[in-house]
Amino acid sequence: MISPSSPITGGAQTGLTSPTYTFVTDLAPEPNGKQIAITAVGGTQTGVTTHTASSPFVINFVRPKLLASQPTVNPTTGLFRQRPRKNIYKILALKGMTPGANQAVEVGSVRVEISVPAGCESYDSANIRAMLSAAIGYINQLSAGIGDTAVSGIA
């Protein structure tokens, strides 16, 4: 269930001390989505701006419009019939940022896509959770390094 509580504690980043993000619920662009808008930042985040119409700071979560169900089995071969059978969940973060002095704001983004084969939610939920746990832990553990790489271009 996607119901974050405000404020969100941010991951470690060089130059940000104890970052937190206070938000309000926003109207998602898609009816099957949920969105928040960052209205205040906490900790030390010099120069970080909050959401405005011309400089967004939002996080959006979208679930599939129609969930794919367990595929049917061909009675002759015993194999699943071929058809689209992935349930795709998406997380999108948008943040306005300025590319230079006296320049118009441009929007940067982070996109995460989670693909779950239909049927696995019933048959193998432990491995779905393990996949997500490892991926989120990896991103959280490397948060500052990922930020440093995005700024410096050096991995």
C-alpha atoms as a PDB file:
ATOM      1  CA  MET A   1       0.000   0.000   0.000  1.00  0.00           C
ATOM      2  CA  ILE A   2       1.466   3.314  -1.029  1.00  0.00           C
ATOM      3  CA  SER A   3       0.766   5.756   1.792  1.00  0.00           C
ATOM      4  CA  PRO A   4       3.941   7.617   2.727  1.00  0.00           C
ATOM      5  CA  SER A   5       3.973   9.632   5.927  1.00  0.00           C
ATOM      6  CA  SER A   6       5.297  13.166   6.041  1.00  0.00           C
ATOM      7  CA  PRO A   7       8.086  14.039   6.400  1.00  0.00           C
ATOM      8  CA  ILE A   8      10.186  11.630   4.349  1.00  0.00           C
ATOM      9  CA  THR A   9      13.740  11.104   5.605  1.00  0.00           C
ATOM     10  CA  GLY A  10      16.076  11.525   2.660  1.00  0.00           C
ATOM     11  CA  GLY A  11      19.012   9.285   1.835  1.00  0.00           C
ATOM     12  CA  ALA A  12      22.546  10.443   2.623  1.00  0.00           C
ATOM     13  CA  GLN A  13      23.936  12.944   0.106  1.00  0.00           C
ATOM     14  CA  THR A  14      27.118  14.981   0.040  1.00  0.00           C
ATOM     15  CA  GLY A  15      26.286  18.551   1.139  1.00  0.00           C
ATOM     16  CA  LEU A  16      22.902  17.664   2.660  1.00  0.00           C
ATOM     17  CA  THR A  17      22.710  17.133   6.411  1.00  0.00           C
ATOM     18  CA  SER A  18      19.778  15.141   7.824  1.00  0.00           C
ATOM     19  CA  PRO A  19      17.537  15.859   4.814  1.00  0.00           C
ATOM     20  CA  THR A  20      13.783  15.620   5.310  1.00  0.00           C
ATOM     21  CA  TYR A  21      10.957  16.375   2.885  1.00  0.00           C
ATOM     22  CA  THR A  22       7.526  17.507   4.050  1.00  0.00           C
ATOM     23  CA  PHE A  23       4.812  16.960   1.471  1.00  0.00           C
ATOM     24  CA  VAL A  24       1.144  17.317   0.659  1.00  0.00           C
ATOM     25  CA  THR A  25      -0.922  14.901  -1.379  1.00  0.00           C
ATOM     26  CA  ASP A  26      -1.184  16.111  -4.960  1.00  0.00           C
ATOM     27  CA  LEU A  27      -3.451  15.131  -7.823  1.00  0.00           C
ATOM     28  CA  ALA A  28      -1.707  12.462  -9.897  1.00  0.00           C
ATOM     29  CA  PRO A  29      -1.787  12.900 -13.688  1.00  0.00           C
ATOM     30  CA  GLU A  30      -3.113   9.345 -14.096  1.00  0.00           C
ATOM     31  CA  PRO A  31      -6.166   8.004 -12.239  1.00  0.00           C
ATOM     32  CA  ASN A  32      -4.224   4.870 -11.208  1.00  0.00           C
ATOM     33  CA  GLY A  33      -1.446   6.973  -9.676  1.00  0.00           C
ATOM     34  CA  LYS A  34      -0.649   8.691  -6.402  1.00  0.00           C
ATOM     35  CA  GLN A  35       1.462  11.817  -6.177  1.00  0.00           C
ATOM     36  CA  ILE A  36       2.992  14.013  -3.504  1.00  0.00           C
ATOM     37  CA  ALA A  37       4.415  17.542  -3.771  1.00  0.00           C
ATOM     38  CA  ILE A  38       7.332  18.573  -1.560  1.00  0.00           C
ATOM     39  CA  THR A  39       6.333  21.752   0.288  1.00  0.00           C
ATOM     40  CA  ALA A  40       9.153  22.072   2.833  1.00  0.00           C
ATOM     41  CA  VAL A  41      12.653  20.741   3.348  1.00  0.00           C
ATOM     42  CA  GLY A  42      14.366  20.102   6.671  1.00  0.00           C
ATOM     43  CA  GLY A  43      17.913  19.604   7.826  1.00  0.00           C
ATOM     44  CA  THR A  44      20.622  21.550   6.053  1.00  0.00           C
ATOM     45  CA  GLN A  45      19.864  21.756   2.330  1.00  0.00           C
ATOM     46  CA  THR A  46      21.275  25.082   1.202  1.00  0.00           C
ATOM     47  CA  GLY A  47      19.835  26.150  -2.147  1.00  0.00           C
ATOM     48  CA  VAL A  48      17.203  23.391  -2.332  1.00  0.00           C
ATOM     49  CA  THR A  49      13.794  24.664  -3.452  1.00  0.00           C
ATOM     50  CA  THR A  50      10.331  23.298  -2.787  1.00  0.00           C
ATOM     51  CA  HIS A  51       7.517  22.640  -5.245  1.00  0.00           C
ATOM     52  CA  THR A  52       6.083  25.438  -7.364  1.00  0.00           C
ATOM     53  CA  ALA A  53       4.145  25.332 -10.620  1.00  0.00           C
ATOM     54  CA  SER A  54       7.192  26.460 -12.600  1.00  0.00           C
ATOM     55  CA  SER A  55       9.723  24.373 -10.657  1.00  0.00           C
ATOM     56  CA  PRO A  56       8.134  21.069  -9.640  1.00  0.00           C
ATOM     57  CA  PHE A  57       9.283  18.812  -6.831  1.00  0.00           C
ATOM     58  CA  VAL A  58       6.969  15.806  -6.944  1.00  0.00           C
ATOM     59  CA  ILE A  59       7.094  12.055  -6.517  1.00  0.00           C
ATOM     60  CA  ASN A  60       4.570   9.959  -8.406  1.00  0.00           C
ATOM     61  CA  PHE A  61       3.674   6.275  -8.044  1.00  0.00           C
ATOM     62  CA  VAL A  62       1.674   4.497 -10.771  1.00  0.00           C
ATOM     63  CA  ARG A  63       0.275   0.983 -10.669  1.00  0.00           C
ATOM     64  CA  PRO A  64      -0.954  -0.936 -13.721  1.00  0.00           C
ATOM     65  CA  LYS A  65      -4.365   0.160 -15.018  1.00  0.00           C
ATOM     66  CA  LEU A  66      -5.341  -3.491 -15.300  1.00  0.00           C
ATOM     67  CA  LEU A  67      -3.444  -6.128 -13.397  1.00  0.00           C
ATOM     68  CA  ALA A  68      -2.431  -9.086 -15.539  1.00  0.00           C
ATOM     69  CA  SER A  69      -3.632 -12.334 -14.048  1.00  0.00           C
ATOM     70  CA  GLN A  70      -1.933 -15.693 -13.895  1.00  0.00           C
ATOM     71  CA  PRO A  71      -1.498 -16.808 -17.513  1.00  0.00           C
ATOM     72  CA  THR A  72      -3.464 -19.849 -18.622  1.00  0.00           C
ATOM     73  CA  VAL A  73      -1.761 -23.132 -19.353  1.00  0.00           C
ATOM     74  CA  ASN A  74      -1.889 -24.830 -22.732  1.00  0.00           C
ATOM     75  CA  PRO A  75      -3.504 -28.213 -21.978  1.00  0.00           C
ATOM     76  CA  THR A  76      -1.379 -29.985 -24.595  1.00  0.00           C
ATOM     77  CA  THR A  77       2.077 -28.629 -23.761  1.00  0.00           C
ATOM     78  CA  GLY A  78       1.561 -27.694 -20.113  1.00  0.00           C
ATOM     79  CA  LEU A  79       3.288 -24.359 -20.810  1.00  0.00           C
ATOM     80  CA  PHE A  80       1.920 -20.893 -20.182  1.00  0.00           C
ATOM     81  CA  ARG A  81       0.287 -19.337 -23.237  1.00  0.00           C
ATOM     82  CA  GLN A  82       2.139 -16.381 -24.703  1.00  0.00           C
ATOM     83  CA  ARG A  83       0.624 -12.987 -23.972  1.00  0.00           C
ATOM     84  CA  PRO A  84       1.641  -9.820 -22.172  1.00  0.00           C
ATOM     85  CA  ARG A  85       1.966 -10.955 -18.594  1.00  0.00           C
ATOM     86  CA  LYS A  86       3.887  -8.346 -16.673  1.00  0.00           C
ATOM     87  CA  ASN A  87       2.502  -5.998 -14.072  1.00  0.00           C
ATOM     88  CA  ILE A  88       4.520  -2.781 -14.292  1.00  0.00           C
ATOM     89  CA  TYR A  89       4.713  -0.349 -11.373  1.00  0.00           C
ATOM     90  CA  LYS A  90       6.447   3.015 -11.847  1.00  0.00           C
ATOM     91  CA  ILE A  91       7.927   5.614  -9.557  1.00  0.00           C
ATOM     92  CA  LEU A  92       8.782   9.020 -10.989  1.00  0.00           C
ATOM     93  CA  ALA A  93      10.437  11.902  -9.158  1.00  0.00           C
ATOM     94  CA  LEU A  94      10.539  15.301 -10.862  1.00  0.00           C
ATOM     95  CA  LYS A  95      12.581  18.249  -9.613  1.00  0.00           C
ATOM     96  CA  GLY A  96      13.003  21.695 -11.091  1.00  0.00           C
ATOM     97  CA  MET A  97      16.615  22.868 -11.283  1.00  0.00           C
ATOM     98  CA  THR A  98      18.470  25.779 -12.815  1.00  0.00           C
ATOM     99  CA  PRO A  99      21.143  25.047 -15.450  1.00  0.00           C
ATOM    100  CA  GLY A 100      22.910  28.375 -15.001  1.00  0.00           C
ATOM    101  CA  ALA A 101      22.661  31.945 -13.747  1.00  0.00           C
ATOM    102  CA  ASN A 102      19.579  33.743 -15.087  1.00  0.00           C
ATOM    103  CA  GLN A 103      18.448  30.613 -16.940  1.00  0.00           C
ATOM    104  CA  ALA A 104      14.968  29.123 -16.973  1.00  0.00           C
ATOM    105  CA  VAL A 105      14.257  26.173 -14.718  1.00  0.00           C
ATOM    106  CA  GLU A 106      14.535  22.739 -16.330  1.00  0.00           C
ATOM    107  CA  VAL A 107      13.127  19.540 -14.877  1.00  0.00           C
ATOM    108  CA  GLY A 108      15.312  16.587 -13.897  1.00  0.00           C
ATOM    109  CA  SER A 109      13.857  13.147 -13.214  1.00  0.00           C
ATOM    110  CA  VAL A 110      14.385   9.797 -11.551  1.00  0.00           C
ATOM    111  CA  ARG A 111      12.453   6.848 -12.991  1.00  0.00           C
ATOM    112  CA  VAL A 112      12.105   3.459 -11.349  1.00  0.00           C
ATOM    113  CA  GLU A 113      10.172   0.654 -13.002  1.00  0.00           C
ATOM    114  CA  ILE A 114       9.198  -2.545 -11.224  1.00  0.00           C
ATOM    115  CA  SER A 115       8.192  -5.473 -13.416  1.00  0.00           C
ATOM    116  CA  VAL A 116       6.431  -8.439 -11.822  1.00  0.00           C
ATOM    117  CA  PRO A 117       5.463 -11.440 -13.966  1.00  0.00           C
ATOM    118  CA  ALA A 118       1.759 -12.218 -13.555  1.00  0.00           C
ATOM    119  CA  GLY A 119       1.187 -15.069 -11.137  1.00  0.00           C
ATOM    120  CA  CYS A 120       4.367 -14.512  -9.137  1.00  0.00           C
ATOM    121  CA  GLU A 121       2.470 -12.302  -6.664  1.00  0.00           C
ATOM    122  CA  SER A 122       0.514 -15.417  -5.683  1.00  0.00           C
ATOM    123  CA  TYR A 123       3.157 -18.116  -6.135  1.00  0.00           C
ATOM    124  CA  ASP A 124       6.441 -16.441  -5.140  1.00  0.00           C
ATOM    125  CA  SER A 125       5.767 -13.246  -3.186  1.00  0.00           C
ATOM    126  CA  ALA A 126       8.866 -13.763  -1.008  1.00  0.00           C
ATOM    127  CA  ASN A 127      11.149 -13.348  -4.004  1.00  0.00           C
ATOM    128  CA  ILE A 128       9.295 -10.232  -5.204  1.00  0.00           C
ATOM    129  CA  ARG A 129       9.856  -8.710  -1.750  1.00  0.00           C
ATOM    130  CA  ALA A 130      13.508  -9.813  -1.737  1.00  0.00           C
ATOM    131  CA  MET A 131      14.067  -8.225  -5.167  1.00  0.00           C
ATOM    132  CA  LEU A 132      12.575  -4.935  -3.973  1.00  0.00           C
ATOM    133  CA  SER A 133      14.344  -5.041  -0.618  1.00  0.00           C
ATOM    134  CA  ALA A 134      17.728  -5.546  -2.257  1.00  0.00           C
ATOM    135  CA  ALA A 135      17.127  -2.866  -4.900  1.00  0.00           C
ATOM    136  CA  ILE A 136      15.913  -0.272  -2.378  1.00  0.00           C
ATOM    137  CA  GLY A 137      18.747  -1.137   0.016  1.00  0.00           C
ATOM    138  CA  TYR A 138      21.253  -0.834  -2.827  1.00  0.00           C
ATOM    139  CA  ILE A 139      19.933   2.598  -3.817  1.00  0.00           C
ATOM    140  CA  ASN A 140      19.728   3.749  -0.192  1.00  0.00           C
ATOM    141  CA  GLN A 141      23.239   2.489   0.613  1.00  0.00           C
ATOM    142  CA  LEU A 142      24.677   4.163  -2.477  1.00  0.00           C
ATOM    143  CA  SER A 143      22.564   7.326  -2.261  1.00  0.00           C
ATOM    144  CA  ALA A 144      25.499   9.702  -1.707  1.00  0.00           C
ATOM    145  CA  GLY A 145      27.668   7.930  -4.292  1.00  0.00           C
ATOM    146  CA  ILE A 146      24.887   8.028  -6.871  1.00  0.00           C
ATOM    147  CA  GLY A 147      24.449  11.753  -6.157  1.00  0.00           C
ATOM    148  CA  ASP A 148      28.185  12.369  -6.412  1.00  0.00           C
ATOM    149  CA  THR A 149      28.268  10.499  -9.749  1.00  0.00           C
ATOM    150  CA  ALA A 150      25.277  12.461 -11.093  1.00  0.00           C
ATOM    151  CA  VAL A 151      27.112  15.695 -10.218  1.00  0.00           C
ATOM    152  CA  SER A 152      30.674  14.747 -11.227  1.00  0.00           C
ATOM    153  CA  GLY A 153      30.078  12.189 -13.962  1.00  0.00           C
ATOM    154  CA  ILE A 154      32.632   9.940 -12.256  1.00  0.00           C
ATOM    155  CA  ALA A 155      31.541   6.466 -11.181  1.00  0.00           C
END
